[in-house]
Amino acid sequence: MNRDRKDPPDPGEDRDCAETPQERRERKRHESDNHDEALEETFPASDPVSPFVPAKTPE
């Protein structure tokens, strides 16, 4: 089962297990990729609608 870092540890889980520098780099890269993908998924919905209304031409 995949767990989030923020999930509470299982009662039998070893809490003294520190991540290696390689694991940290991989985790950070994965988080960054997830953020990038989430940002891409919000477009174009996150772009505000332009309030521009063209003026009538003078007669």
PDB file of N, CA and C in Angstrom:
ATOM      1  N   MET A   1       0.842  -1.181   0.000  1.00  0.00           N
ATOM      2  CA  MET A   1       0.000   0.000   0.000  1.00  0.00           C
ATOM      3  C   MET A   1       0.889   1.247   0.000  1.00  0.00           C
ATOM      4  N   ASN A   2       0.593   2.193  -0.869  1.00  0.00           N
ATOM      5  CA  ASN A   2       1.341   3.449  -0.887  1.00  0.00           C
ATOM      6  C   ASN A   2       0.830   4.351   0.224  1.00  0.00           C
ATOM      7  N   ARG A   3       1.770   4.973   0.889  1.00  0.00           N
ATOM      8  CA  ARG A   3       1.409   5.871   1.979  1.00  0.00           C
ATOM      9  C   ARG A   3       2.004   7.245   1.712  1.00  0.00           C
ATOM     10  N   ASP A   4       1.315   8.244   2.166  1.00  0.00           N
ATOM     11  CA  ASP A   4       1.790   9.615   2.091  1.00  0.00           C
ATOM     12  C   ASP A   4       2.711   9.856   3.289  1.00  0.00           C
ATOM     13  N   ARG A   5       3.688  10.721   3.116  1.00  0.00           N
ATOM     14  CA  ARG A   5       4.590  11.017   4.235  1.00  0.00           C
ATOM     15  C   ARG A   5       3.833  11.559   5.430  1.00  0.00           C
ATOM     16  N   LYS A   6       2.701  12.206   5.186  1.00  0.00           N
ATOM     17  CA  LYS A   6       1.949  12.843   6.260  1.00  0.00           C
ATOM     18  C   LYS A   6       1.015  11.870   6.979  1.00  0.00           C
ATOM     19  N   ASP A   7       0.850  10.666   6.438  1.00  0.00           N
ATOM     20  CA  ASP A   7       0.014   9.671   7.095  1.00  0.00           C
ATOM     21  C   ASP A   7       0.670   9.253   8.402  1.00  0.00           C
ATOM     22  N   PRO A   8      -0.144   8.988   9.427  1.00  0.00           N
ATOM     23  CA  PRO A   8       0.472   8.524  10.677  1.00  0.00           C
ATOM     24  C   PRO A   8       1.105   7.153  10.468  1.00  0.00           C
ATOM     25  N   PRO A   9       2.192   6.883  11.157  1.00  0.00           N
ATOM     26  CA  PRO A   9       2.875   5.599  10.971  1.00  0.00           C
ATOM     27  C   PRO A   9       2.039   4.446  11.521  1.00  0.00           C
ATOM     28  N   ASP A  10       2.248   3.269  10.959  1.00  0.00           N
ATOM     29  CA  ASP A  10       1.620   2.073  11.498  1.00  0.00           C
ATOM     30  C   ASP A  10       2.201   1.814  12.880  1.00  0.00           C
ATOM     31  N   PRO A  11       1.414   1.224  13.777  1.00  0.00           N
ATOM     32  CA  PRO A  11       1.944   0.977  15.132  1.00  0.00           C
ATOM     33  C   PRO A  11       3.215   0.136  15.147  1.00  0.00           C
ATOM     34  N   GLY A  12       3.371  -0.811  14.226  1.00  0.00           N
ATOM     35  CA  GLY A  12       4.554  -1.661  14.214  1.00  0.00           C
ATOM     36  C   GLY A  12       5.687  -1.121  13.359  1.00  0.00           C
ATOM     37  N   GLU A  13       5.501   0.037  12.752  1.00  0.00           N
ATOM     38  CA  GLU A  13       6.499   0.590  11.832  1.00  0.00           C
ATOM     39  C   GLU A  13       7.667   1.201  12.598  1.00  0.00           C
ATOM     40  N   ASP A  14       8.879   0.998  12.079  1.00  0.00           N
ATOM     41  CA  ASP A  14      10.084   1.569  12.665  1.00  0.00           C
ATOM     42  C   ASP A  14      10.134   3.054  12.331  1.00  0.00           C
ATOM     43  N   ARG A  15      10.089   3.896  13.344  1.00  0.00           N
ATOM     44  CA  ARG A  15      10.065   5.352  13.120  1.00  0.00           C
ATOM     45  C   ARG A  15      11.451   5.957  12.980  1.00  0.00           C
ATOM     46  N   ASP A  16      12.484   5.212  13.314  1.00  0.00           N
ATOM     47  CA  ASP A  16      13.838   5.749  13.260  1.00  0.00           C
ATOM     48  C   ASP A  16      14.470   5.600  11.882  1.00  0.00           C
ATOM     49  N   CYS A  17      13.715   5.143  10.900  1.00  0.00           N
ATOM     50  CA  CYS A  17      14.242   4.924   9.559  1.00  0.00           C
ATOM     51  C   CYS A  17      14.290   6.261   8.806  1.00  0.00           C
ATOM     52  N   ALA A  18      15.483   6.787   8.628  1.00  0.00           N
ATOM     53  CA  ALA A  18      15.638   8.051   7.913  1.00  0.00           C
ATOM     54  C   ALA A  18      15.788   7.766   6.423  1.00  0.00           C
ATOM     55  N   GLU A  19      15.288   8.697   5.596  1.00  0.00           N
ATOM     56  CA  GLU A  19      15.423   8.491   4.159  1.00  0.00           C
ATOM     57  C   GLU A  19      16.837   8.854   3.715  1.00  0.00           C
ATOM     58  N   THR A  20      17.307   8.177   2.709  1.00  0.00           N
ATOM     59  CA  THR A  20      18.642   8.437   2.177  1.00  0.00           C
ATOM     60  C   THR A  20      18.575   9.678   1.291  1.00  0.00           C
ATOM     61  N   PRO A  21      19.722  10.295   1.002  1.00  0.00           N
ATOM     62  CA  PRO A  21      19.707  11.444   0.094  1.00  0.00           C
ATOM     63  C   PRO A  21      19.089  11.106  -1.271  1.00  0.00           C
ATOM     64  N   GLN A  22      19.341   9.902  -1.768  1.00  0.00           N
ATOM     65  CA  GLN A  22      18.765   9.482  -3.048  1.00  0.00           C
ATOM     66  C   GLN A  22      17.237   9.386  -2.942  1.00  0.00           C
ATOM     67  N   GLU A  23      16.746   8.809  -1.845  1.00  0.00           N
ATOM     68  CA  GLU A  23      15.294   8.705  -1.645  1.00  0.00           C
ATOM     69  C   GLU A  23      14.664  10.097  -1.534  1.00  0.00           C
ATOM     70  N   ARG A  24      15.360  11.006  -0.856  1.00  0.00           N
ATOM     71  CA  ARG A  24      14.843  12.367  -0.714  1.00  0.00           C
ATOM     72  C   ARG A  24      14.761  13.068  -2.068  1.00  0.00           C
ATOM     73  N   ARG A  25      15.808  12.927  -2.900  1.00  0.00           N
ATOM     74  CA  ARG A  25      15.797  13.533  -4.235  1.00  0.00           C
ATOM     75  C   ARG A  25      14.656  12.971  -5.069  1.00  0.00           C
ATOM     76  N   GLU A  26      14.473  11.654  -5.013  1.00  0.00           N
ATOM     77  CA  GLU A  26      13.405  11.009  -5.773  1.00  0.00           C
ATOM     78  C   GLU A  26      12.031  11.475  -5.283  1.00  0.00           C
ATOM     79  N   ARG A  27      11.866  11.573  -3.953  1.00  0.00           N
ATOM     80  CA  ARG A  27      10.593  12.042  -3.401  1.00  0.00           C
ATOM     81  C   ARG A  27      10.313  13.483  -3.831  1.00  0.00           C
ATOM     82  N   LYS A  28      11.320  14.340  -3.761  1.00  0.00           N
ATOM     83  CA  LYS A  28      11.152  15.746  -4.150  1.00  0.00           C
ATOM     84  C   LYS A  28      10.834  15.865  -5.637  1.00  0.00           C
ATOM     85  N   ARG A  29      11.507  15.048  -6.479  1.00  0.00           N
ATOM     86  CA  ARG A  29      11.233  15.072  -7.911  1.00  0.00           C
ATOM     87  C   ARG A  29       9.797  14.635  -8.182  1.00  0.00           C
ATOM     88  N   HIS A  30       9.365  13.589  -7.491  1.00  0.00           N
ATOM     89  CA  HIS A  30       8.003  13.084  -7.666  1.00  0.00           C
ATOM     90  C   HIS A  30       6.981  14.141  -7.228  1.00  0.00           C
ATOM     91  N   GLU A  31       7.215  14.802  -6.094  1.00  0.00           N
ATOM     92  CA  GLU A  31       6.317  15.849  -5.622  1.00  0.00           C
ATOM     93  C   GLU A  31       6.259  17.007  -6.625  1.00  0.00           C
ATOM     94  N   SER A  32       7.420  17.372  -7.150  1.00  0.00           N
ATOM     95  CA  SER A  32       7.476  18.456  -8.125  1.00  0.00           C
ATOM     96  C   SER A  32       6.709  18.092  -9.395  1.00  0.00           C
ATOM     97  N   ASP A  33       6.889  16.851  -9.850  1.00  0.00           N
ATOM     98  CA  ASP A  33       6.143  16.395 -11.032  1.00  0.00           C
ATOM     99  C   ASP A  33       4.643  16.424 -10.773  1.00  0.00           C
ATOM    100  N   ASN A  34       4.236  16.010  -9.574  1.00  0.00           N
ATOM    101  CA  ASN A  34       2.806  16.034  -9.231  1.00  0.00           C
ATOM    102  C   ASN A  34       2.274  17.462  -9.209  1.00  0.00           C
ATOM    103  N   HIS A  35       3.055  18.395  -8.668  1.00  0.00           N
ATOM    104  CA  HIS A  35       2.626  19.795  -8.646  1.00  0.00           C
ATOM    105  C   HIS A  35       2.497  20.351 -10.063  1.00  0.00           C
ATOM    106  N   ASP A  36       3.478  20.035 -10.899  1.00  0.00           N
ATOM    107  CA  ASP A  36       3.434  20.503 -12.291  1.00  0.00           C
ATOM    108  C   ASP A  36       2.206  19.953 -13.015  1.00  0.00           C
ATOM    109  N   GLU A  37       1.931  18.678 -12.818  1.00  0.00           N
ATOM    110  CA  GLU A  37       0.775  18.065 -13.476  1.00  0.00           C
ATOM    111  C   GLU A  37      -0.528  18.689 -12.965  1.00  0.00           C
ATOM    112  N   ALA A  38      -0.620  18.915 -11.662  1.00  0.00           N
ATOM    113  CA  ALA A  38      -1.826  19.525 -11.100  1.00  0.00           C
ATOM    114  C   ALA A  38      -2.030  20.931 -11.661  1.00  0.00           C
ATOM    115  N   LEU A  39      -0.950  21.677 -11.800  1.00  0.00           N
ATOM    116  CA  LEU A  39      -1.049  23.021 -12.355  1.00  0.00           C
ATOM    117  C   LEU A  39      -1.518  22.981 -13.801  1.00  0.00           C
ATOM    118  N   GLU A  40      -0.952  22.064 -14.586  1.00  0.00           N
ATOM    119  CA  GLU A  40      -1.359  21.931 -15.988  1.00  0.00           C
ATOM    120  C   GLU A  40      -2.828  21.551 -16.105  1.00  0.00           C
ATOM    121  N   GLU A  41      -3.329  20.746 -15.180  1.00  0.00           N
ATOM    122  CA  GLU A  41      -4.720  20.300 -15.222  1.00  0.00           C
ATOM    123  C   GLU A  41      -5.702  21.437 -14.917  1.00  0.00           C
ATOM    124  N   THR A  42      -5.224  22.502 -14.290  1.00  0.00           N
ATOM    125  CA  THR A  42      -6.127  23.606 -13.948  1.00  0.00           C
ATOM    126  C   THR A  42      -6.348  24.558 -15.117  1.00  0.00           C
ATOM    127  N   PHE A  43      -5.517  24.490 -16.146  1.00  0.00           N
ATOM    128  CA  PHE A  43      -5.660  25.400 -17.277  1.00  0.00           C
ATOM    129  C   PHE A  43      -6.610  24.823 -18.292  1.00  0.00           C
ATOM    130  N   PRO A  44      -7.416  25.591 -18.957  1.00  0.00           N
ATOM    131  CA  PRO A  44      -7.505  27.048 -18.874  1.00  0.00           C
ATOM    132  C   PRO A  44      -8.476  27.530 -17.809  1.00  0.00           C
ATOM    133  N   ALA A  45      -8.990  26.635 -16.984  1.00  0.00           N
ATOM    134  CA  ALA A  45      -9.989  27.030 -15.993  1.00  0.00           C
ATOM    135  C   ALA A  45      -9.476  28.091 -15.030  1.00  0.00           C
ATOM    136  N   SER A  46      -8.180  28.126 -14.764  1.00  0.00           N
ATOM    137  CA  SER A  46      -7.666  29.099 -13.822  1.00  0.00           C
ATOM    138  C   SER A  46      -7.476  30.474 -14.459  1.00  0.00           C
ATOM    139  N   ASP A  47      -7.535  30.548 -15.780  1.00  0.00           N
ATOM    140  CA  ASP A  47      -7.403  31.847 -16.435  1.00  0.00           C
ATOM    141  C   ASP A  47      -8.716  32.603 -16.305  1.00  0.00           C
ATOM    142  N   PRO A  48      -8.662  33.811 -15.770  1.00  0.00           N
ATOM    143  CA  PRO A  48      -9.911  34.564 -15.638  1.00  0.00           C
ATOM    144  C   PRO A  48     -10.462  34.959 -17.006  1.00  0.00           C
ATOM    145  N   VAL A  49     -11.755  35.059 -17.078  1.00  0.00           N
ATOM    146  CA  VAL A  49     -12.407  35.501 -18.305  1.00  0.00           C
ATOM    147  C   VAL A  49     -12.118  36.978 -18.481  1.00  0.00           C
ATOM    148  N   SER A  50     -11.790  37.369 -19.659  1.00  0.00           N
ATOM    149  CA  SER A  50     -11.489  38.766 -19.921  1.00  0.00           C
ATOM    150  C   SER A  50     -12.753  39.602 -19.823  1.00  0.00           C
ATOM    151  N   PRO A  51     -12.727  40.681 -19.030  1.00  0.00           N
ATOM    152  CA  PRO A  51     -13.908  41.530 -18.905  1.00  0.00           C
ATOM    153  C   PRO A  51     -14.019  42.550 -20.046  1.00  0.00           C
ATOM    154  N   PHE A  52     -13.138  42.450 -21.036  1.00  0.00           N
ATOM    155  CA  PHE A  52     -13.106  43.417 -22.116  1.00  0.00           C
ATOM    156  C   PHE A  52     -14.393  43.358 -22.939  1.00  0.00           C
ATOM    157  N   VAL A  53     -15.005  44.508 -23.090  1.00  0.00           N
ATOM    158  CA  VAL A  53     -16.183  44.630 -23.940  1.00  0.00           C
ATOM    159  C   VAL A  53     -15.851  45.723 -24.961  1.00  0.00           C
ATOM    160  N   PRO A  54     -15.872  45.398 -26.230  1.00  0.00           N
ATOM    161  CA  PRO A  54     -15.520  46.425 -27.208  1.00  0.00           C
ATOM    162  C   PRO A  54     -16.501  47.599 -27.195  1.00  0.00           C
ATOM    163  N   ALA A  55     -15.951  48.781 -27.317  1.00  0.00           N
ATOM    164  CA  ALA A  55     -16.800  49.973 -27.339  1.00  0.00           C
ATOM    165  C   ALA A  55     -17.477  50.090 -28.703  1.00  0.00           C
ATOM    166  N   LYS A  56     -18.638  50.717 -28.683  1.00  0.00           N
ATOM    167  CA  LYS A  56     -19.355  50.949 -29.939  1.00  0.00           C
ATOM    168  C   LYS A  56     -18.608  52.012 -30.720  1.00  0.00           C
ATOM    169  N   THR A  57     -18.595  51.861 -32.009  1.00  0.00           N
ATOM    170  CA  THR A  57     -17.914  52.848 -32.848  1.00  0.00           C
ATOM    171  C   THR A  57     -18.769  54.107 -32.907  1.00  0.00           C
ATOM    172  N   PRO A  58     -18.124  55.275 -32.820  1.00  0.00           N
ATOM    173  CA  PRO A  58     -18.880  56.536 -32.878  1.00  0.00           C
ATOM    174  C   PRO A  58     -19.489  56.715 -34.278  1.00  0.00           C
ATOM    175  N   GLU A  59     -20.654  57.257 -34.317  1.00  0.00           N
ATOM    176  CA  GLU A  59     -21.335  57.482 -35.606  1.00  0.00           C
ATOM    177  C   GLU A  59     -21.119  58.872 -36.129  1.00  0.00           C
TER     178      GLU A  59
END
